[in-house]
PDB file of N, CA and C in Angstrom:
ATOM      1  N   MET A   1       0.837  -1.184   0.000  1.00  0.00           N
ATOM      2  CA  MET A   1       0.000   0.000   0.000  1.00  0.00           C
ATOM      3  C   MET A   1       0.878   1.242   0.000  1.00  0.00           C
ATOM      4  N   ASP A   2       0.436   2.228  -0.718  1.00  0.00           N
ATOM      5  CA  ASP A   2       1.154   3.494  -0.804  1.00  0.00           C
ATOM      6  C   ASP A   2       0.745   4.383   0.367  1.00  0.00           C
ATOM      7  N   TYR A   3       1.700   4.750   1.211  1.00  0.00           N
ATOM      8  CA  TYR A   3       1.368   5.587   2.355  1.00  0.00           C
ATOM      9  C   TYR A   3       1.678   7.047   2.110  1.00  0.00           C
ATOM     10  N   ASP A   4       1.741   7.422   0.821  1.00  0.00           N
ATOM     11  CA  ASP A   4       1.723   8.837   0.464  1.00  0.00           C
ATOM     12  C   ASP A   4       0.255   9.232   0.551  1.00  0.00           C
ATOM     13  N   THR A   5      -0.147   9.763   1.681  1.00  0.00           N
ATOM     14  CA  THR A   5      -1.563   9.974   1.975  1.00  0.00           C
ATOM     15  C   THR A   5      -2.224  11.015   1.080  1.00  0.00           C
ATOM     16  N   LYS A   6      -1.452  11.777   0.326  1.00  0.00           N
ATOM     17  CA  LYS A   6      -2.044  12.755  -0.582  1.00  0.00           C
ATOM     18  C   LYS A   6      -2.868  12.068  -1.680  1.00  0.00           C
ATOM     19  N   ASN A   7      -2.572  10.792  -1.964  1.00  0.00           N
ATOM     20  CA  ASN A   7      -3.321  10.033  -2.963  1.00  0.00           C
ATOM     21  C   ASN A   7      -4.523   9.323  -2.365  1.00  0.00           C
ATOM     22  N   SER A   8      -4.720   9.418  -1.076  1.00  0.00           N
ATOM     23  CA  SER A   8      -5.849   8.766  -0.412  1.00  0.00           C
ATOM     24  C   SER A   8      -6.493   9.764   0.553  1.00  0.00           C
ATOM     25  N   PRO A   9      -7.630  10.328   0.175  1.00  0.00           N
ATOM     26  CA  PRO A   9      -8.289  11.290   1.077  1.00  0.00           C
ATOM     27  C   PRO A   9      -8.594  10.709   2.459  1.00  0.00           C
ATOM     28  N   ARG A  10      -8.937   9.422   2.513  1.00  0.00           N
ATOM     29  CA  ARG A  10      -9.239   8.777   3.796  1.00  0.00           C
ATOM     30  C   ARG A  10      -8.000   8.753   4.698  1.00  0.00           C
ATOM     31  N   LEU A  11      -6.869   8.305   4.138  1.00  0.00           N
ATOM     32  CA  LEU A  11      -5.640   8.248   4.942  1.00  0.00           C
ATOM     33  C   LEU A  11      -5.109   9.644   5.256  1.00  0.00           C
ATOM     34  N   GLU A  12      -5.290  10.582   4.345  1.00  0.00           N
ATOM     35  CA  GLU A  12      -4.847  11.960   4.600  1.00  0.00           C
ATOM     36  C   GLU A  12      -5.656  12.567   5.742  1.00  0.00           C
ATOM     37  N   ALA A  13      -6.940  12.302   5.801  1.00  0.00           N
ATOM     38  CA  ALA A  13      -7.772  12.797   6.906  1.00  0.00           C
ATOM     39  C   ALA A  13      -7.307  12.197   8.233  1.00  0.00           C
ATOM     40  N   ILE A  14      -6.982  10.908   8.224  1.00  0.00           N
ATOM     41  CA  ILE A  14      -6.470  10.253   9.435  1.00  0.00           C
ATOM     42  C   ILE A  14      -5.137  10.884   9.829  1.00  0.00           C
ATOM     43  N   ARG A  15      -4.242  11.094   8.858  1.00  0.00           N
ATOM     44  CA  ARG A  15      -2.931  11.680   9.135  1.00  0.00           C
ATOM     45  C   ARG A  15      -3.086  13.075   9.744  1.00  0.00           C
ATOM     46  N   GLN A  16      -3.972  13.886   9.182  1.00  0.00           N
ATOM     47  CA  GLN A  16      -4.171  15.243   9.700  1.00  0.00           C
ATOM     48  C   GLN A  16      -4.713  15.218  11.126  1.00  0.00           C
ATOM     49  N   ASP A  17      -5.673  14.336  11.382  1.00  0.00           N
ATOM     50  CA  ASP A  17      -6.225  14.218  12.732  1.00  0.00           C
ATOM     51  C   ASP A  17      -5.142  13.795  13.729  1.00  0.00           C
ATOM     52  N   LEU A  18      -4.371  12.780  13.355  1.00  0.00           N
ATOM     53  CA  LEU A  18      -3.328  12.289  14.260  1.00  0.00           C
ATOM     54  C   LEU A  18      -2.226  13.320  14.471  1.00  0.00           C
ATOM     55  N   SER A  19      -1.870  14.059  13.423  1.00  0.00           N
ATOM     56  CA  SER A  19      -0.802  15.057  13.581  1.00  0.00           C
ATOM     57  C   SER A  19      -1.227  16.161  14.548  1.00  0.00           C
ATOM     58  N   LYS A  20      -2.499  16.509  14.560  1.00  0.00           N
ATOM     59  CA  LYS A  20      -3.000  17.508  15.513  1.00  0.00           C
ATOM     60  C   LYS A  20      -3.052  16.932  16.925  1.00  0.00           C
ATOM     61  N   HIS A  21      -3.510  15.705  17.029  1.00  0.00           N
ATOM     62  CA  HIS A  21      -3.669  15.071  18.342  1.00  0.00           C
ATOM     63  C   HIS A  21      -2.320  14.802  19.019  1.00  0.00           C
ATOM     64  N   PHE A  22      -1.290  14.501  18.230  1.00  0.00           N
ATOM     65  CA  PHE A  22      -0.003  14.100  18.803  1.00  0.00           C
ATOM     66  C   PHE A  22       1.103  15.139  18.612  1.00  0.00           C
ATOM     67  N   LYS A  23       0.735  16.415  18.574  1.00  0.00           N
ATOM     68  CA  LYS A  23       1.749  17.478  18.444  1.00  0.00           C
ATOM     69  C   LYS A  23       2.810  17.375  19.529  1.00  0.00           C
ATOM     70  N   HIS A  24       2.414  16.958  20.708  1.00  0.00           N
ATOM     71  CA  HIS A  24       3.348  16.887  21.842  1.00  0.00           C
ATOM     72  C   HIS A  24       4.475  15.873  21.622  1.00  0.00           C
ATOM     73  N   LEU A  25       4.304  14.953  20.684  1.00  0.00           N
ATOM     74  CA  LEU A  25       5.358  13.968  20.413  1.00  0.00           C
ATOM     75  C   LEU A  25       6.348  14.436  19.346  1.00  0.00           C
ATOM     76  N   PHE A  26       6.096  15.602  18.779  1.00  0.00           N
ATOM     77  CA  PHE A  26       6.960  16.117  17.709  1.00  0.00           C
ATOM     78  C   PHE A  26       7.597  17.429  18.144  1.00  0.00           C
ATOM     79  N   TRP A  27       8.458  17.336  19.144  1.00  0.00           N
ATOM     80  CA  TRP A  27       9.155  18.500  19.663  1.00  0.00           C
ATOM     81  C   TRP A  27      10.248  18.972  18.713  1.00  0.00           C
ATOM     82  N   ASP A  28      10.686  18.111  17.798  1.00  0.00           N
ATOM     83  CA  ASP A  28      11.818  18.429  16.931  1.00  0.00           C
ATOM     84  C   ASP A  28      11.431  18.782  15.497  1.00  0.00           C
ATOM     85  N   THR A  29      10.141  18.709  15.180  1.00  0.00           N
ATOM     86  CA  THR A  29       9.680  19.011  13.828  1.00  0.00           C
ATOM     87  C   THR A  29       8.208  19.391  13.879  1.00  0.00           C
ATOM     88  N   SER A  30       7.698  19.891  12.797  1.00  0.00           N
ATOM     89  CA  SER A  30       6.291  20.248  12.719  1.00  0.00           C
ATOM     90  C   SER A  30       5.464  18.991  12.477  1.00  0.00           C
ATOM     91  N   ALA A  31       4.551  18.703  13.357  1.00  0.00           N
ATOM     92  CA  ALA A  31       3.736  17.489  13.266  1.00  0.00           C
ATOM     93  C   ALA A  31       2.893  17.467  11.995  1.00  0.00           C
ATOM     94  N   GLU A  32       2.516  18.636  11.503  1.00  0.00           N
ATOM     95  CA  GLU A  32       1.671  18.704  10.310  1.00  0.00           C
ATOM     96  C   GLU A  32       2.384  18.216   9.053  1.00  0.00           C
ATOM     97  N   LYS A  33       3.703  18.155   9.084  1.00  0.00           N
ATOM     98  CA  LYS A  33       4.474  17.788   7.896  1.00  0.00           C
ATOM     99  C   LYS A  33       4.907  16.328   7.857  1.00  0.00           C
ATOM    100  N   VAL A  34       4.663  15.587   8.909  1.00  0.00           N
ATOM    101  CA  VAL A  34       5.172  14.213   8.966  1.00  0.00           C
ATOM    102  C   VAL A  34       4.184  13.220   8.356  1.00  0.00           C
ATOM    103  N   SER A  35       4.717  12.087   7.946  1.00  0.00           N
ATOM    104  CA  SER A  35       3.918  11.042   7.309  1.00  0.00           C
ATOM    105  C   SER A  35       3.141  10.233   8.341  1.00  0.00           C
ATOM    106  N   LEU A  36       2.172   9.495   7.873  1.00  0.00           N
ATOM    107  CA  LEU A  36       1.399   8.617   8.749  1.00  0.00           C
ATOM    108  C   LEU A  36       2.287   7.569   9.428  1.00  0.00           C
ATOM    109  N   PRO A  37       3.183   6.891   8.690  1.00  0.00           N
ATOM    110  CA  PRO A  37       4.082   5.958   9.384  1.00  0.00           C
ATOM    111  C   PRO A  37       4.949   6.635  10.449  1.00  0.00           C
ATOM    112  N   ALA A  38       5.382   7.872  10.201  1.00  0.00           N
ATOM    113  CA  ALA A  38       6.200   8.580  11.193  1.00  0.00           C
ATOM    114  C   ALA A  38       5.397   8.877  12.457  1.00  0.00           C
ATOM    115  N   ILE A  39       4.125   9.196  12.300  1.00  0.00           N
ATOM    116  CA  ILE A  39       3.269   9.441  13.466  1.00  0.00           C
ATOM    117  C   ILE A  39       3.101   8.147  14.262  1.00  0.00           C
ATOM    118  N   VAL A  40       2.816   7.060  13.569  1.00  0.00           N
ATOM    119  CA  VAL A  40       2.649   5.771  14.249  1.00  0.00           C
ATOM    120  C   VAL A  40       3.936   5.392  14.973  1.00  0.00           C
ATOM    121  N   GLU A  41       5.068   5.583  14.322  1.00  0.00           N
ATOM    122  CA  GLU A  41       6.351   5.244  14.943  1.00  0.00           C
ATOM    123  C   GLU A  41       6.570   6.039  16.224  1.00  0.00           C
ATOM    124  N   ARG A  42       6.310   7.341  16.193  1.00  0.00           N
ATOM    125  CA  ARG A  42       6.484   8.161  17.400  1.00  0.00           C
ATOM    126  C   ARG A  42       5.573   7.708  18.524  1.00  0.00           C
ATOM    127  N   VAL A  43       4.338   7.378  18.174  1.00  0.00           N
ATOM    128  CA  VAL A  43       3.405   6.932  19.204  1.00  0.00           C
ATOM    129  C   VAL A  43       3.867   5.608  19.803  1.00  0.00           C
ATOM    130  N   LEU A  44       4.336   4.685  18.973  1.00  0.00           N
ATOM    131  CA  LEU A  44       4.791   3.390  19.493  1.00  0.00           C
ATOM    132  C   LEU A  44       6.057   3.531  20.341  1.00  0.00           C
ATOM    133  N   ILE A  45       6.881   4.519  20.044  1.00  0.00           N
ATOM    134  CA  ILE A  45       8.117   4.714  20.806  1.00  0.00           C
ATOM    135  C   ILE A  45       7.898   5.571  22.052  1.00  0.00           C
ATOM    136  N   TYR A  46       7.213   6.709  21.903  1.00  0.00           N
ATOM    137  CA  TYR A  46       7.130   7.686  22.989  1.00  0.00           C
ATOM    138  C   TYR A  46       5.738   7.860  23.591  1.00  0.00           C
ATOM    139  N   GLY A  47       4.727   7.276  22.978  1.00  0.00           N
ATOM    140  CA  GLY A  47       3.360   7.492  23.432  1.00  0.00           C
ATOM    141  C   GLY A  47       2.994   6.678  24.656  1.00  0.00           C
ATOM    142  N   THR A  48       1.895   7.063  25.247  1.00  0.00           N
ATOM    143  CA  THR A  48       1.322   6.321  26.372  1.00  0.00           C
ATOM    144  C   THR A  48       0.395   5.236  25.826  1.00  0.00           C
ATOM    145  N   MET A  49      -0.108   4.395  26.699  1.00  0.00           N
ATOM    146  CA  MET A  49      -1.077   3.385  26.251  1.00  0.00           C
ATOM    147  C   MET A  49      -2.341   4.054  25.722  1.00  0.00           C
ATOM    148  N   ASP A  50      -2.728   5.180  26.298  1.00  0.00           N
ATOM    149  CA  ASP A  50      -3.890   5.911  25.764  1.00  0.00           C
ATOM    150  C   ASP A  50      -3.619   6.397  24.348  1.00  0.00           C
ATOM    151  N   ASP A  51      -2.388   6.844  24.084  1.00  0.00           N
ATOM    152  CA  ASP A  51      -2.013   7.271  22.735  1.00  0.00           C
ATOM    153  C   ASP A  51      -2.102   6.099  21.758  1.00  0.00           C
ATOM    154  N   VAL A  52      -1.599   4.943  22.187  1.00  0.00           N
ATOM    155  CA  VAL A  52      -1.636   3.747  21.341  1.00  0.00           C
ATOM    156  C   VAL A  52      -3.083   3.343  21.066  1.00  0.00           C
ATOM    157  N   ARG A  53      -3.916   3.377  22.082  1.00  0.00           N
ATOM    158  CA  ARG A  53      -5.334   3.040  21.892  1.00  0.00           C
ATOM    159  C   ARG A  53      -5.989   4.006  20.902  1.00  0.00           C
ATOM    160  N   TYR A  54      -5.607   5.263  20.985  1.00  0.00           N
ATOM    161  CA  TYR A  54      -6.183   6.275  20.087  1.00  0.00           C
ATOM    162  C   TYR A  54      -5.857   5.950  18.626  1.00  0.00           C
ATOM    163  N   ILE A  55      -4.586   5.675  18.319  1.00  0.00           N
ATOM    164  CA  ILE A  55      -4.267   5.373  16.915  1.00  0.00           C
ATOM    165  C   ILE A  55      -4.857   4.036  16.496  1.00  0.00           C
ATOM    166  N   TYR A  56      -4.934   3.104  17.421  1.00  0.00           N
ATOM    167  CA  TYR A  56      -5.491   1.784  17.113  1.00  0.00           C
ATOM    168  C   TYR A  56      -6.978   1.898  16.763  1.00  0.00           C
ATOM    169  N   ARG A  57      -7.665   2.884  17.376  1.00  0.00           N
ATOM    170  CA  ARG A  57      -9.077   3.132  17.041  1.00  0.00           C
ATOM    171  C   ARG A  57      -9.223   3.915  15.738  1.00  0.00           C
ATOM    172  N   LYS A  58      -8.304   4.807  15.455  1.00  0.00           N
ATOM    173  CA  LYS A  58      -8.417   5.696  14.291  1.00  0.00           C
ATOM    174  C   LYS A  58      -7.992   5.042  12.982  1.00  0.00           C
ATOM    175  N   ILE A  59      -6.943   4.231  13.033  1.00  0.00           N
ATOM    176  CA  ILE A  59      -6.408   3.628  11.805  1.00  0.00           C
ATOM    177  C   ILE A  59      -7.010   2.239  11.648  1.00  0.00           C
ATOM    178  N   PRO A  60      -7.610   1.943  10.491  1.00  0.00           N
ATOM    179  CA  PRO A  60      -8.134   0.588  10.281  1.00  0.00           C
ATOM    180  C   PRO A  60      -7.028  -0.456  10.500  1.00  0.00           C
ATOM    181  N   LEU A  61      -7.404  -1.602  11.065  1.00  0.00           N
ATOM    182  CA  LEU A  61      -6.437  -2.632  11.434  1.00  0.00           C
ATOM    183  C   LEU A  61      -5.531  -3.026  10.273  1.00  0.00           C
ATOM    184  N   LYS A  62      -6.098  -3.192   9.092  1.00  0.00           N
ATOM    185  CA  LYS A  62      -5.296  -3.577   7.919  1.00  0.00           C
ATOM    186  C   LYS A  62      -4.209  -2.534   7.642  1.00  0.00           C
ATOM    187  N   ASP A  63      -4.572  -1.263   7.689  1.00  0.00           N
ATOM    188  CA  ASP A  63      -3.600  -0.193   7.459  1.00  0.00           C
ATOM    189  C   ASP A  63      -2.580  -0.122   8.583  1.00  0.00           C
ATOM    190  N   PHE A  64      -3.051  -0.255   9.828  1.00  0.00           N
ATOM    191  CA  PHE A  64      -2.137  -0.223  10.973  1.00  0.00           C
ATOM    192  C   PHE A  64      -1.093  -1.328  10.843  1.00  0.00           C
ATOM    193  N   LYS A  65      -1.551  -2.537  10.508  1.00  0.00           N
ATOM    194  CA  LYS A  65      -0.636  -3.672  10.390  1.00  0.00           C
ATOM    195  C   LYS A  65       0.384  -3.432   9.277  1.00  0.00           C
ATOM    196  N   GLU A  66      -0.052  -2.893   8.142  1.00  0.00           N
ATOM    197  CA  GLU A  66       0.874  -2.617   7.045  1.00  0.00           C
ATOM    198  C   GLU A  66       1.895  -1.547   7.437  1.00  0.00           C
ATOM    199  N   ILE A  67       1.435  -0.514   8.115  1.00  0.00           N
ATOM    200  CA  ILE A  67       2.350   0.537   8.572  1.00  0.00           C
ATOM    201  C   ILE A  67       3.331  -0.045   9.587  1.00  0.00           C
ATOM    202  N   TYR A  68       2.823  -0.829  10.530  1.00  0.00           N
ATOM    203  CA  TYR A  68       3.688  -1.448  11.533  1.00  0.00           C
ATOM    204  C   TYR A  68       4.762  -2.304  10.859  1.00  0.00           C
ATOM    205  N   LEU A  69       4.373  -3.096   9.874  1.00  0.00           N
ATOM    206  CA  LEU A  69       5.351  -3.956   9.191  1.00  0.00           C
ATOM    207  C   LEU A  69       6.406  -3.137   8.457  1.00  0.00           C
ATOM    208  N   ILE A  70       6.023  -1.998   7.898  1.00  0.00           N
ATOM    209  CA  ILE A  70       7.008  -1.100   7.274  1.00  0.00           C
ATOM    210  C   ILE A  70       8.026  -0.661   8.329  1.00  0.00           C
ATOM    211  N   LEU A  71       7.528  -0.255   9.497  1.00  0.00           N
ATOM    212  CA  LEU A  71       8.415   0.216  10.576  1.00  0.00           C
ATOM    213  C   LEU A  71       9.283  -0.913  11.110  1.00  0.00           C
ATOM    214  N   ARG A  72       8.686  -2.074  11.300  1.00  0.00           N
ATOM    215  CA  ARG A  72       9.394  -3.236  11.866  1.00  0.00           C
ATOM    216  C   ARG A  72      10.457  -3.774  10.933  1.00  0.00           C
ATOM    217  N   ASN A  73      10.196  -3.729   9.635  1.00  0.00           N
ATOM    218  CA  ASN A  73      11.096  -4.350   8.675  1.00  0.00           C
ATOM    219  C   ASN A  73      12.138  -3.402   8.088  1.00  0.00           C
ATOM    220  N   LYS A  74      12.252  -2.218   8.663  1.00  0.00           N
ATOM    221  CA  LYS A  74      13.329  -1.317   8.248  1.00  0.00           C
ATOM    222  C   LYS A  74      14.666  -2.013   8.487  1.00  0.00           C
ATOM    223  N   LYS A  75      15.654  -1.622   7.712  1.00  0.00           N
ATOM    224  CA  LYS A  75      16.991  -2.206   7.897  1.00  0.00           C
ATOM    225  C   LYS A  75      17.464  -2.023   9.344  1.00  0.00           C
ATOM    226  N   ARG A  76      17.228  -0.828   9.884  1.00  0.00           N
ATOM    227  CA  ARG A  76      17.556  -0.545  11.293  1.00  0.00           C
ATOM    228  C   ARG A  76      16.318   0.059  11.952  1.00  0.00           C
ATOM    229  N   PRO A  77      15.408  -0.781  12.431  1.00  0.00           N
ATOM    230  CA  PRO A  77      14.167  -0.243  13.012  1.00  0.00           C
ATOM    231  C   PRO A  77      14.435   0.566  14.273  1.00  0.00           C
ATOM    232  N   ASN A  78      13.633   1.602  14.465  1.00  0.00           N
ATOM    233  CA  ASN A  78      13.735   2.429  15.667  1.00  0.00           C
ATOM    234  C   ASN A  78      12.973   1.832  16.838  1.00  0.00           C
ATOM    235  N   LEU A  79      12.130   0.844  16.560  1.00  0.00           N
ATOM    236  CA  LEU A  79      11.319   0.233  17.609  1.00  0.00           C
ATOM    237  C   LEU A  79      12.166  -0.698  18.474  1.00  0.00           C
ATOM    238  N   ALA A  80      11.922  -0.657  19.766  1.00  0.00           N
ATOM    239  CA  ALA A  80      12.624  -1.545  20.696  1.00  0.00           C
ATOM    240  C   ALA A  80      12.172  -2.986  20.460  1.00  0.00           C
ATOM    241  N   LYS A  81      13.037  -3.934  20.784  1.00  0.00           N
ATOM    242  CA  LYS A  81      12.705  -5.350  20.606  1.00  0.00           C
ATOM    243  C   LYS A  81      11.440  -5.721  21.373  1.00  0.00           C
ATOM    244  N   ARG A  82      11.274  -5.185  22.564  1.00  0.00           N
ATOM    245  CA  ARG A  82      10.074  -5.518  23.340  1.00  0.00           C
ATOM    246  C   ARG A  82       8.812  -4.931  22.704  1.00  0.00           C
ATOM    247  N   THR A  83       8.952  -3.780  22.038  1.00  0.00           N
ATOM    248  CA  THR A  83       7.816  -3.205  21.312  1.00  0.00           C
ATOM    249  C   THR A  83       7.474  -4.085  20.117  1.00  0.00           C
ATOM    250  N   ILE A  84       8.490  -4.531  19.398  1.00  0.00           N
ATOM    251  CA  ILE A  84       8.277  -5.430  18.262  1.00  0.00           C
ATOM    252  C   ILE A  84       7.645  -6.736  18.748  1.00  0.00           C
ATOM    253  N   ALA A  85       8.146  -7.284  19.848  1.00  0.00           N
ATOM    254  CA  ALA A  85       7.583  -8.525  20.382  1.00  0.00           C
ATOM    255  C   ALA A  85       6.109  -8.347  20.739  1.00  0.00           C
ATOM    256  N   PHE A  86       5.782  -7.240  21.391  1.00  0.00           N
ATOM    257  CA  PHE A  86       4.387  -6.983  21.777  1.00  0.00           C
ATOM    258  C   PHE A  86       3.490  -6.924  20.550  1.00  0.00           C
ATOM    259  N   TRP A  87       3.876  -6.109  19.551  1.00  0.00           N
ATOM    260  CA  TRP A  87       3.006  -5.924  18.389  1.00  0.00           C
ATOM    261  C   TRP A  87       2.992  -7.145  17.483  1.00  0.00           C
ATOM    262  N   ASP A  88       4.087  -7.874  17.391  1.00  0.00           N
ATOM    263  CA  ASP A  88       4.065  -9.130  16.625  1.00  0.00           C
ATOM    264  C   ASP A  88       3.042 -10.085  17.238  1.00  0.00           C
ATOM    265  N   ASN A  89       3.025 -10.164  18.549  1.00  0.00           N
ATOM    266  CA  ASN A  89       2.061 -11.031  19.222  1.00  0.00           C
ATOM    267  C   ASN A  89       0.644 -10.477  19.110  1.00  0.00           C
ATOM    268  N   GLN A  90       0.491  -9.186  19.302  1.00  0.00           N
ATOM    269  CA  GLN A  90      -0.820  -8.550  19.237  1.00  0.00           C
ATOM    270  C   GLN A  90      -1.454  -8.715  17.852  1.00  0.00           C
ATOM    271  N   LEU A  91      -0.638  -8.591  16.812  1.00  0.00           N
ATOM    272  CA  LEU A  91      -1.131  -8.651  15.434  1.00  0.00           C
ATOM    273  C   LEU A  91      -1.052 -10.056  14.839  1.00  0.00           C
ATOM    274  N   GLY A  92      -0.574 -11.018  15.614  1.00  0.00           N
ATOM    275  CA  GLY A  92      -0.528 -12.408  15.147  1.00  0.00           C
ATOM    276  C   GLY A  92       0.481 -12.651  14.042  1.00  0.00           C
ATOM    277  N   ILE A  93       1.615 -11.974  14.101  1.00  0.00           N
ATOM    278  CA  ILE A  93       2.654 -12.139  13.089  1.00  0.00           C
ATOM    279  C   ILE A  93       3.512 -13.329  13.500  1.00  0.00           C
ATOM    280  N   LYS A  94       3.214 -14.467  12.926  1.00  0.00           N
ATOM    281  CA  LYS A  94       3.800 -15.729  13.375  1.00  0.00           C
ATOM    282  C   LYS A  94       5.207 -15.984  12.848  1.00  0.00           C
ATOM    283  N   ASP A  95       5.631 -15.268  11.810  1.00  0.00           N
ATOM    284  CA  ASP A  95       6.991 -15.478  11.294  1.00  0.00           C
ATOM    285  C   ASP A  95       8.029 -14.706  12.092  1.00  0.00           C
ATOM    286  N   SER A  96       7.598 -14.089  13.173  1.00  0.00           N
ATOM    287  CA  SER A  96       8.478 -13.279  13.998  1.00  0.00           C
ATOM    288  C   SER A  96       9.286 -14.150  14.959  1.00  0.00           C
ATOM    289  N   PRO A  97      10.558 -13.821  15.175  1.00  0.00           N
ATOM    290  CA  PRO A  97      11.330 -14.543  16.197  1.00  0.00           C
ATOM    291  C   PRO A  97      10.791 -14.262  17.595  1.00  0.00           C
ATOM    292  N   TYR A  98       9.930 -13.237  17.716  1.00  0.00           N
ATOM    293  CA  TYR A  98       9.386 -12.851  19.023  1.00  0.00           C
ATOM    294  C   TYR A  98       8.002 -13.432  19.279  1.00  0.00           C
ATOM    295  N   TYR A  99       7.409 -14.112  18.300  1.00  0.00           N
ATOM    296  CA  TYR A  99       6.033 -14.614  18.457  1.00  0.00           C
ATOM    297  C   TYR A  99       6.021 -15.735  19.483  1.00  0.00           C
ATOM    298  N   VAL A 100       5.202 -15.575  20.549  1.00  0.00           N
ATOM    299  CA  VAL A 100       5.203 -16.579  21.614  1.00  0.00           C
ATOM    300  C   VAL A 100       3.828 -17.152  21.915  1.00  0.00           C
ATOM    301  N   LEU A 101       2.785 -16.618  21.327  1.00  0.00           N
ATOM    302  CA  LEU A 101       1.449 -17.118  21.620  1.00  0.00           C
ATOM    303  C   LEU A 101       1.205 -18.445  20.924  1.00  0.00           C
ATOM    304  N   GLY A 102       0.417 -19.292  21.559  1.00  0.00           N
ATOM    305  CA  GLY A 102       0.097 -20.601  20.993  1.00  0.00           C
ATOM    306  C   GLY A 102      -0.885 -20.487  19.842  1.00  0.00           C
ATOM    307  N   GLU A 103      -1.004 -21.554  19.107  1.00  0.00           N
ATOM    308  CA  GLU A 103      -1.913 -21.581  17.953  1.00  0.00           C
ATOM    309  C   GLU A 103      -3.339 -21.721  18.401  1.00  0.00           C
TER     310      GLU A 103
END
């Protein structure tokens, strides 16, 4: 999926809403200019559980999972191993070295 949200009015609306809601996580740049994956990454790294619940409610699960996989599969991911382990288990990503839930 293309996460250039300018080509998707639905994703662009979500990105704009999230950038306004999470301005406090972008102390080093303007939140209005960042991509949807960048917003999700900041929330997963620096956000509270309430922040995570907020994006989990706003972004459809299919899109959230695709964005998460983009972040997780970077050559050098910024996400901590425990964050990756949590979301791999939460999203049922069974090919993960961190997947521990039973079938």
